[in-house]
N, C-alpha and C. Protein backbone atom coordinates (compact mmCIF):
# COMPACT_ATOMS: atom_id res chain seq x y z
N MET A 1 16.41 -15.88 2.43
CA MET A 1 16.44 -15.05 1.22
C MET A 1 15.69 -13.75 1.50
N THR A 2 14.41 -13.62 1.08
CA THR A 2 13.60 -12.44 1.41
C THR A 2 12.25 -12.96 1.94
N PRO A 3 11.50 -12.13 2.64
CA PRO A 3 10.18 -12.57 3.11
C PRO A 3 9.27 -13.03 1.96
N ALA A 4 9.40 -12.39 0.79
CA ALA A 4 8.58 -12.78 -0.37
C ALA A 4 8.91 -14.21 -0.80
N ILE A 5 10.17 -14.52 -0.92
CA ILE A 5 10.60 -15.86 -1.35
C ILE A 5 10.25 -16.89 -0.29
N ASP A 6 10.45 -16.52 0.97
CA ASP A 6 10.10 -17.43 2.07
C ASP A 6 8.62 -17.78 2.04
N LEU A 7 7.77 -16.79 1.77
CA LEU A 7 6.33 -17.03 1.70
C LEU A 7 5.97 -17.96 0.55
N LEU A 8 6.57 -17.74 -0.61
CA LEU A 8 6.31 -18.61 -1.76
C LEU A 8 6.70 -20.06 -1.46
N LYS A 9 7.85 -20.23 -0.83
CA LYS A 9 8.31 -21.58 -0.49
C LYS A 9 7.39 -22.23 0.55
N LYS A 10 7.03 -21.46 1.56
CA LYS A 10 6.17 -21.98 2.64
C LYS A 10 4.81 -22.42 2.10
N GLN A 11 4.26 -21.64 1.16
CA GLN A 11 2.95 -21.94 0.60
C GLN A 11 3.02 -22.91 -0.58
N LYS A 12 4.25 -23.37 -0.89
CA LYS A 12 4.48 -24.33 -1.98
C LYS A 12 3.94 -23.84 -3.33
N ILE A 13 4.20 -22.55 -3.61
CA ILE A 13 3.80 -21.95 -4.87
C ILE A 13 4.93 -22.13 -5.88
N GLU A 14 4.57 -22.53 -7.08
CA GLU A 14 5.56 -22.71 -8.14
C GLU A 14 6.02 -21.33 -8.63
N PHE A 15 7.35 -21.13 -8.64
CA PHE A 15 7.90 -19.85 -9.10
C PHE A 15 9.32 -20.07 -9.62
N ILE A 16 9.77 -19.09 -10.40
CA ILE A 16 11.15 -19.09 -10.89
C ILE A 16 11.78 -17.77 -10.46
N LEU A 17 12.96 -17.87 -9.88
CA LEU A 17 13.70 -16.71 -9.42
C LEU A 17 14.63 -16.21 -10.52
N HIS A 18 14.64 -14.90 -10.74
CA HIS A 18 15.51 -14.29 -11.75
C HIS A 18 16.35 -13.21 -11.09
N HIS A 19 17.67 -13.32 -11.23
CA HIS A 19 18.59 -12.32 -10.71
C HIS A 19 19.11 -11.46 -11.85
N TYR A 20 19.35 -10.20 -11.60
CA TYR A 20 20.00 -9.33 -12.56
C TYR A 20 20.81 -8.30 -11.79
N GLU A 21 21.79 -7.73 -12.46
CA GLU A 21 22.66 -6.74 -11.83
C GLU A 21 21.96 -5.39 -11.83
N HIS A 22 21.58 -4.91 -10.64
CA HIS A 22 20.91 -3.61 -10.53
C HIS A 22 21.93 -2.49 -10.64
N ASP A 23 21.63 -1.51 -11.48
CA ASP A 23 22.46 -0.32 -11.63
C ASP A 23 22.00 0.72 -10.61
N PRO A 24 22.82 1.05 -9.61
CA PRO A 24 22.41 2.01 -8.57
C PRO A 24 22.05 3.39 -9.11
N GLU A 25 22.49 3.71 -10.33
CA GLU A 25 22.16 5.00 -10.95
C GLU A 25 20.76 5.00 -11.57
N ASN A 26 20.21 3.80 -11.81
CA ASN A 26 18.91 3.68 -12.47
C ASN A 26 17.79 3.71 -11.43
N LEU A 27 16.94 4.71 -11.50
CA LEU A 27 15.83 4.84 -10.55
C LEU A 27 14.50 4.40 -11.16
N HIS A 28 14.54 3.88 -12.39
CA HIS A 28 13.35 3.34 -13.05
C HIS A 28 13.39 1.83 -12.87
N PHE A 29 13.13 1.39 -11.65
CA PHE A 29 13.36 0.01 -11.24
C PHE A 29 12.61 -1.02 -12.07
N GLY A 30 11.34 -0.80 -12.30
CA GLY A 30 10.53 -1.75 -13.05
C GLY A 30 11.00 -1.89 -14.49
N ASN A 31 11.26 -0.74 -15.12
CA ASN A 31 11.74 -0.77 -16.50
C ASN A 31 13.12 -1.42 -16.59
N GLU A 32 13.94 -1.16 -15.59
CA GLU A 32 15.27 -1.78 -15.56
C GLU A 32 15.15 -3.30 -15.48
N ALA A 33 14.26 -3.78 -14.62
CA ALA A 33 14.06 -5.23 -14.48
C ALA A 33 13.62 -5.84 -15.81
N ALA A 34 12.65 -5.22 -16.45
CA ALA A 34 12.15 -5.75 -17.72
C ALA A 34 13.26 -5.77 -18.77
N GLU A 35 14.01 -4.69 -18.84
CA GLU A 35 15.08 -4.59 -19.83
C GLU A 35 16.16 -5.64 -19.57
N LYS A 36 16.60 -5.75 -18.33
CA LYS A 36 17.70 -6.67 -18.03
C LYS A 36 17.28 -8.14 -18.09
N LEU A 37 16.00 -8.40 -17.89
CA LEU A 37 15.51 -9.79 -17.99
C LEU A 37 15.05 -10.12 -19.41
N GLY A 38 15.03 -9.11 -20.26
CA GLY A 38 14.64 -9.33 -21.65
C GLY A 38 13.17 -9.67 -21.81
N ILE A 39 12.32 -9.02 -20.99
CA ILE A 39 10.89 -9.28 -21.04
C ILE A 39 10.14 -7.98 -21.34
N SER A 40 8.90 -8.12 -21.74
CA SER A 40 8.06 -6.96 -22.01
C SER A 40 7.73 -6.22 -20.72
N PRO A 41 7.71 -4.87 -20.74
CA PRO A 41 7.30 -4.12 -19.55
C PRO A 41 5.80 -4.29 -19.24
N PHE A 42 5.09 -5.02 -20.10
CA PHE A 42 3.67 -5.30 -19.83
C PHE A 42 3.52 -6.59 -19.03
N VAL A 43 4.57 -7.43 -18.98
CA VAL A 43 4.53 -8.67 -18.21
C VAL A 43 5.34 -8.53 -16.91
N SER A 44 6.08 -7.43 -16.81
CA SER A 44 6.82 -7.08 -15.60
C SER A 44 5.94 -6.15 -14.78
N PHE A 45 5.63 -6.54 -13.55
CA PHE A 45 4.68 -5.77 -12.73
C PHE A 45 5.37 -5.08 -11.57
N LYS A 46 4.95 -3.84 -11.31
CA LYS A 46 5.49 -3.06 -10.19
C LYS A 46 4.48 -3.03 -9.06
N THR A 47 4.96 -2.70 -7.88
CA THR A 47 4.13 -2.64 -6.67
C THR A 47 4.11 -1.20 -6.18
N LEU A 48 2.91 -0.63 -6.07
CA LEU A 48 2.76 0.75 -5.60
C LEU A 48 1.86 0.78 -4.38
N LEU A 49 2.19 1.66 -3.44
CA LEU A 49 1.36 1.82 -2.25
C LEU A 49 0.69 3.19 -2.26
N VAL A 50 -0.56 3.20 -1.84
CA VAL A 50 -1.32 4.45 -1.78
C VAL A 50 -1.94 4.61 -0.39
N ALA A 51 -2.20 5.86 -0.05
CA ALA A 51 -2.92 6.19 1.18
C ALA A 51 -4.39 6.39 0.81
N GLU A 52 -5.25 5.82 1.62
CA GLU A 52 -6.69 5.94 1.38
C GLU A 52 -7.22 7.23 1.99
N ASN A 53 -7.89 8.04 1.19
CA ASN A 53 -8.51 9.29 1.64
C ASN A 53 -7.55 10.18 2.43
N GLY A 54 -6.29 10.21 2.03
CA GLY A 54 -5.30 11.06 2.68
C GLY A 54 -4.77 10.54 4.00
N ASP A 55 -5.20 9.37 4.43
CA ASP A 55 -4.77 8.79 5.72
C ASP A 55 -3.58 7.86 5.49
N HIS A 56 -2.40 8.31 5.87
CA HIS A 56 -1.19 7.53 5.64
C HIS A 56 -1.04 6.34 6.58
N LYS A 57 -2.02 6.11 7.41
CA LYS A 57 -2.05 4.91 8.24
C LYS A 57 -2.92 3.83 7.60
N LYS A 58 -3.73 4.22 6.60
CA LYS A 58 -4.58 3.27 5.86
C LYS A 58 -4.03 3.15 4.44
N LEU A 59 -3.29 2.09 4.22
CA LEU A 59 -2.64 1.90 2.94
C LEU A 59 -3.26 0.76 2.15
N SER A 60 -3.14 0.85 0.85
CA SER A 60 -3.52 -0.23 -0.06
C SER A 60 -2.38 -0.41 -1.05
N CYS A 61 -2.32 -1.60 -1.63
CA CYS A 61 -1.26 -1.98 -2.54
C CYS A 61 -1.84 -2.27 -3.93
N PHE A 62 -1.17 -1.76 -4.95
CA PHE A 62 -1.59 -1.98 -6.33
C PHE A 62 -0.44 -2.57 -7.12
N VAL A 63 -0.74 -3.61 -7.89
CA VAL A 63 0.27 -4.32 -8.68
C VAL A 63 -0.14 -4.15 -10.14
N LEU A 64 0.74 -3.52 -10.92
CA LEU A 64 0.41 -3.19 -12.30
C LEU A 64 1.64 -3.26 -13.19
N PRO A 65 1.43 -3.35 -14.51
CA PRO A 65 2.58 -3.44 -15.42
C PRO A 65 3.49 -2.22 -15.29
N THR A 66 4.80 -2.47 -15.36
CA THR A 66 5.74 -1.35 -15.28
C THR A 66 5.56 -0.38 -16.44
N ALA A 67 4.97 -0.85 -17.54
CA ALA A 67 4.75 0.00 -18.72
C ALA A 67 3.64 1.02 -18.50
N ASN A 68 2.82 0.83 -17.49
CA ASN A 68 1.64 1.67 -17.29
C ASN A 68 1.73 2.52 -16.04
N MET A 69 0.85 3.53 -15.99
CA MET A 69 0.70 4.39 -14.82
C MET A 69 -0.57 3.98 -14.08
N LEU A 70 -0.55 4.10 -12.77
CA LEU A 70 -1.73 3.83 -11.97
C LEU A 70 -2.73 4.97 -12.16
N ASN A 71 -3.98 4.62 -12.47
CA ASN A 71 -5.05 5.61 -12.57
C ASN A 71 -5.62 5.76 -11.17
N LEU A 72 -5.39 6.90 -10.54
CA LEU A 72 -5.78 7.09 -9.14
C LEU A 72 -7.29 7.04 -8.94
N LYS A 73 -8.05 7.50 -9.92
CA LYS A 73 -9.52 7.44 -9.81
C LYS A 73 -9.99 5.99 -9.85
N LYS A 74 -9.44 5.20 -10.79
CA LYS A 74 -9.80 3.78 -10.87
C LYS A 74 -9.36 3.05 -9.61
N ALA A 75 -8.19 3.43 -9.09
CA ALA A 75 -7.66 2.78 -7.88
C ALA A 75 -8.58 3.04 -6.69
N ALA A 76 -9.01 4.28 -6.53
CA ALA A 76 -9.91 4.63 -5.42
C ALA A 76 -11.23 3.86 -5.54
N LYS A 77 -11.76 3.83 -6.74
CA LYS A 77 -13.01 3.10 -6.98
C LYS A 77 -12.85 1.61 -6.68
N ALA A 78 -11.69 1.05 -7.05
CA ALA A 78 -11.44 -0.38 -6.85
C ALA A 78 -11.46 -0.78 -5.38
N ILE A 79 -11.06 0.14 -4.51
CA ILE A 79 -11.04 -0.19 -3.07
C ILE A 79 -12.17 0.50 -2.30
N GLY A 80 -13.05 1.19 -3.03
CA GLY A 80 -14.24 1.76 -2.41
C GLY A 80 -14.00 2.98 -1.54
N VAL A 81 -13.05 3.83 -1.95
CA VAL A 81 -12.81 5.07 -1.20
C VAL A 81 -12.95 6.26 -2.14
N LYS A 82 -13.00 7.46 -1.54
CA LYS A 82 -13.20 8.67 -2.33
C LYS A 82 -11.96 9.02 -3.16
N LYS A 83 -10.77 8.91 -2.55
CA LYS A 83 -9.55 9.22 -3.29
C LYS A 83 -8.36 8.48 -2.69
N VAL A 84 -7.33 8.33 -3.51
CA VAL A 84 -6.06 7.75 -3.05
C VAL A 84 -4.92 8.65 -3.51
N ASP A 85 -3.85 8.62 -2.74
CA ASP A 85 -2.63 9.37 -3.07
C ASP A 85 -1.45 8.42 -2.93
N MET A 86 -0.47 8.59 -3.80
CA MET A 86 0.75 7.81 -3.67
C MET A 86 1.42 8.16 -2.34
N VAL A 87 1.94 7.15 -1.64
CA VAL A 87 2.63 7.43 -0.38
C VAL A 87 4.09 7.76 -0.65
N GLU A 88 4.68 8.47 0.28
CA GLU A 88 6.09 8.82 0.15
C GLU A 88 6.94 7.57 0.35
N LYS A 89 8.13 7.64 -0.21
CA LYS A 89 9.08 6.54 -0.17
C LYS A 89 9.28 5.98 1.25
N ASP A 90 9.48 6.86 2.22
CA ASP A 90 9.74 6.42 3.59
C ASP A 90 8.57 5.63 4.18
N ILE A 91 7.35 6.07 3.88
CA ILE A 91 6.16 5.38 4.38
C ILE A 91 6.04 4.01 3.74
N ALA A 92 6.27 3.94 2.43
CA ALA A 92 6.21 2.66 1.72
C ALA A 92 7.23 1.68 2.28
N GLN A 93 8.44 2.16 2.50
CA GLN A 93 9.50 1.29 3.02
C GLN A 93 9.21 0.82 4.43
N LYS A 94 8.73 1.72 5.27
CA LYS A 94 8.43 1.35 6.66
C LYS A 94 7.28 0.34 6.73
N SER A 95 6.25 0.56 5.92
CA SER A 95 5.08 -0.33 5.94
C SER A 95 5.40 -1.72 5.41
N THR A 96 6.21 -1.78 4.34
CA THR A 96 6.46 -3.07 3.69
C THR A 96 7.67 -3.81 4.23
N GLY A 97 8.65 -3.06 4.74
CA GLY A 97 9.90 -3.69 5.16
C GLY A 97 10.87 -3.86 4.01
N TYR A 98 10.53 -3.34 2.84
CA TYR A 98 11.37 -3.42 1.66
C TYR A 98 11.83 -2.03 1.24
N LEU A 99 12.96 -1.97 0.52
CA LEU A 99 13.43 -0.72 -0.07
C LEU A 99 12.69 -0.45 -1.37
N VAL A 100 12.41 0.82 -1.66
CA VAL A 100 11.81 1.20 -2.93
C VAL A 100 12.69 0.64 -4.04
N GLY A 101 12.06 0.08 -5.06
CA GLY A 101 12.79 -0.58 -6.13
C GLY A 101 12.89 -2.07 -5.90
N GLY A 102 12.55 -2.48 -4.68
CA GLY A 102 12.55 -3.89 -4.34
C GLY A 102 11.30 -4.26 -3.55
N ILE A 103 10.29 -3.39 -3.59
CA ILE A 103 9.06 -3.68 -2.85
C ILE A 103 8.28 -4.76 -3.57
N SER A 104 8.06 -5.85 -2.87
CA SER A 104 7.27 -6.95 -3.40
C SER A 104 5.87 -6.88 -2.80
N PRO A 105 4.87 -7.31 -3.54
CA PRO A 105 3.54 -7.38 -2.93
C PRO A 105 3.47 -8.52 -1.90
N LEU A 106 4.43 -9.44 -1.97
CA LEU A 106 4.46 -10.60 -1.07
C LEU A 106 5.35 -10.36 0.13
N GLY A 107 4.94 -10.88 1.27
CA GLY A 107 5.79 -10.85 2.46
C GLY A 107 6.00 -9.48 3.08
N GLN A 108 5.06 -8.57 2.85
CA GLN A 108 5.18 -7.25 3.46
C GLN A 108 4.97 -7.35 4.96
N LYS A 109 5.62 -6.44 5.71
CA LYS A 109 5.50 -6.44 7.17
C LYS A 109 4.05 -6.32 7.62
N LYS A 110 3.34 -5.42 6.96
CA LYS A 110 1.94 -5.19 7.30
C LYS A 110 1.09 -5.55 6.08
N ARG A 111 0.21 -6.51 6.25
CA ARG A 111 -0.63 -6.94 5.13
C ARG A 111 -1.72 -5.89 4.87
N VAL A 112 -1.85 -5.49 3.61
CA VAL A 112 -2.84 -4.49 3.23
C VAL A 112 -3.67 -5.01 2.06
N LYS A 113 -4.78 -4.33 1.83
CA LYS A 113 -5.64 -4.66 0.70
C LYS A 113 -4.84 -4.54 -0.58
N THR A 114 -4.96 -5.54 -1.45
CA THR A 114 -4.17 -5.54 -2.68
C THR A 114 -5.05 -5.77 -3.91
N ILE A 115 -4.78 -4.99 -4.94
CA ILE A 115 -5.47 -5.11 -6.22
C ILE A 115 -4.40 -5.34 -7.29
N ILE A 116 -4.65 -6.28 -8.19
CA ILE A 116 -3.77 -6.56 -9.31
C ILE A 116 -4.48 -6.12 -10.58
N ASP A 117 -3.76 -5.41 -11.44
CA ASP A 117 -4.40 -4.99 -12.69
C ASP A 117 -4.83 -6.22 -13.48
N LYS A 118 -6.04 -6.13 -14.05
CA LYS A 118 -6.62 -7.28 -14.74
C LYS A 118 -5.83 -7.72 -15.96
N SER A 119 -4.94 -6.86 -16.47
CA SER A 119 -4.11 -7.25 -17.62
C SER A 119 -3.20 -8.43 -17.28
N ALA A 120 -2.96 -8.67 -16.00
CA ALA A 120 -2.13 -9.82 -15.59
C ALA A 120 -2.73 -11.12 -16.08
N LEU A 121 -4.05 -11.15 -16.22
CA LEU A 121 -4.73 -12.38 -16.65
C LEU A 121 -4.49 -12.70 -18.12
N ASN A 122 -3.89 -11.75 -18.85
CA ASN A 122 -3.56 -12.00 -20.26
C ASN A 122 -2.31 -12.86 -20.41
N PHE A 123 -1.62 -13.11 -19.31
CA PHE A 123 -0.35 -13.84 -19.35
C PHE A 123 -0.42 -15.10 -18.49
N GLU A 124 0.28 -16.12 -18.96
CA GLU A 124 0.37 -17.36 -18.16
C GLU A 124 1.15 -17.09 -16.88
N LYS A 125 2.23 -16.28 -17.03
CA LYS A 125 3.05 -15.91 -15.88
C LYS A 125 3.43 -14.44 -15.97
N ILE A 126 3.61 -13.83 -14.80
CA ILE A 126 4.06 -12.45 -14.72
C ILE A 126 5.30 -12.39 -13.83
N TYR A 127 5.96 -11.26 -13.85
CA TYR A 127 7.16 -11.05 -13.04
C TYR A 127 6.87 -9.95 -12.03
N ILE A 128 7.26 -10.20 -10.78
CA ILE A 128 7.12 -9.20 -9.72
C ILE A 128 8.45 -9.12 -8.97
N SER A 129 8.60 -8.12 -8.14
CA SER A 129 9.81 -8.00 -7.34
C SER A 129 9.90 -9.16 -6.35
N GLY A 130 11.10 -9.66 -6.19
CA GLY A 130 11.35 -10.73 -5.22
C GLY A 130 11.67 -10.20 -3.84
N GLY A 131 11.64 -8.89 -3.67
CA GLY A 131 11.86 -8.32 -2.35
C GLY A 131 13.18 -7.59 -2.20
N LYS A 132 13.93 -7.48 -3.29
CA LYS A 132 15.12 -6.63 -3.27
C LYS A 132 15.48 -6.27 -4.71
N ARG A 133 16.20 -5.19 -4.84
CA ARG A 133 16.60 -4.72 -6.16
C ARG A 133 17.47 -5.79 -6.82
N GLY A 134 17.17 -6.09 -8.08
CA GLY A 134 17.95 -7.10 -8.79
C GLY A 134 17.41 -8.51 -8.64
N LEU A 135 16.21 -8.64 -8.08
CA LEU A 135 15.61 -9.96 -7.87
C LEU A 135 14.14 -9.92 -8.28
N SER A 136 13.79 -10.75 -9.27
CA SER A 136 12.40 -10.84 -9.73
C SER A 136 11.91 -12.27 -9.61
N VAL A 137 10.60 -12.39 -9.45
CA VAL A 137 9.95 -13.69 -9.34
C VAL A 137 8.96 -13.84 -10.49
N GLU A 138 9.02 -14.97 -11.15
CA GLU A 138 8.08 -15.30 -12.22
C GLU A 138 7.08 -16.29 -11.65
N LEU A 139 5.79 -15.96 -11.74
CA LEU A 139 4.76 -16.84 -11.21
C LEU A 139 3.43 -16.61 -11.91
N LYS A 140 2.48 -17.50 -11.67
CA LYS A 140 1.15 -17.36 -12.26
C LYS A 140 0.40 -16.25 -11.54
N PRO A 141 -0.28 -15.38 -12.29
CA PRO A 141 -1.01 -14.29 -11.64
C PRO A 141 -2.08 -14.80 -10.66
N GLN A 142 -2.68 -15.95 -10.98
CA GLN A 142 -3.70 -16.51 -10.09
C GLN A 142 -3.09 -16.93 -8.74
N ASP A 143 -1.85 -17.44 -8.77
CA ASP A 143 -1.17 -17.80 -7.52
C ASP A 143 -0.88 -16.56 -6.69
N LEU A 144 -0.46 -15.49 -7.35
CA LEU A 144 -0.18 -14.24 -6.65
C LEU A 144 -1.46 -13.73 -5.98
N ALA A 145 -2.56 -13.72 -6.73
CA ALA A 145 -3.84 -13.24 -6.19
C ALA A 145 -4.29 -14.09 -5.00
N LYS A 146 -4.11 -15.39 -5.11
CA LYS A 146 -4.52 -16.29 -4.03
C LYS A 146 -3.73 -16.00 -2.75
N LEU A 147 -2.42 -15.82 -2.88
CA LEU A 147 -1.58 -15.54 -1.71
C LEU A 147 -1.93 -14.22 -1.04
N LEU A 148 -2.33 -13.24 -1.85
CA LEU A 148 -2.60 -11.90 -1.34
C LEU A 148 -4.08 -11.63 -1.06
N ASN A 149 -4.92 -12.62 -1.37
CA ASN A 149 -6.36 -12.42 -1.29
C ASN A 149 -6.74 -11.17 -2.11
N ALA A 150 -6.10 -11.07 -3.29
CA ALA A 150 -6.28 -9.91 -4.16
C ALA A 150 -7.30 -10.18 -5.25
N THR A 151 -7.80 -9.09 -5.82
CA THR A 151 -8.73 -9.20 -6.94
C THR A 151 -8.10 -8.54 -8.17
N PHE A 152 -8.58 -8.93 -9.35
CA PHE A 152 -8.11 -8.38 -10.62
C PHE A 152 -9.11 -7.32 -11.08
N ILE A 153 -8.64 -6.07 -11.21
CA ILE A 153 -9.49 -4.96 -11.61
C ILE A 153 -8.67 -4.05 -12.54
N ASP A 154 -9.33 -3.36 -13.46
CA ASP A 154 -8.67 -2.40 -14.33
C ASP A 154 -8.29 -1.17 -13.51
N ILE A 155 -6.99 -0.94 -13.33
CA ILE A 155 -6.52 0.18 -12.51
C ILE A 155 -5.50 1.06 -13.24
N ILE A 156 -5.32 0.85 -14.54
CA ILE A 156 -4.27 1.58 -15.25
C ILE A 156 -4.81 2.64 -16.20
N ASP A 157 -3.95 3.61 -16.48
CA ASP A 157 -4.22 4.57 -17.54
C ASP A 157 -3.89 3.87 -18.84
N VAL A 158 -4.71 4.05 -19.85
CA VAL A 158 -4.44 3.39 -21.12
C VAL A 158 -3.95 4.38 -22.15
């Protein structure tokens, strides 16, 4: 299937797979997933990659609700650096092995430091990308954090 799904199966993590028809004209991937799955954009989480202190070889991953924007100052503070910048599409795809719109925090080619927005703890389960457009995974936020060795921190603009 995808590296993300393979990892979940290998680690025996409980999850539910959700498929939906991706519209190639829609570039708002997270919102599209929430809409087509009939879920709140606060329970649907997107995966963003940033460069630490302008170094595109030092990346970190942030997982946050599709309804929110990443607060770059909070993100930098969360990983203990001076500043972070969003990476370009090509860098994100090369680092993760996934296409933008299908980037999962799980099963990335290169494992990086990962932070999950603390709002995930408000839900029994959240939805993340399954590793390709039109594929979402429903799982417990604690299971996601355990697999990624991630921490829950406030990283969003409110």
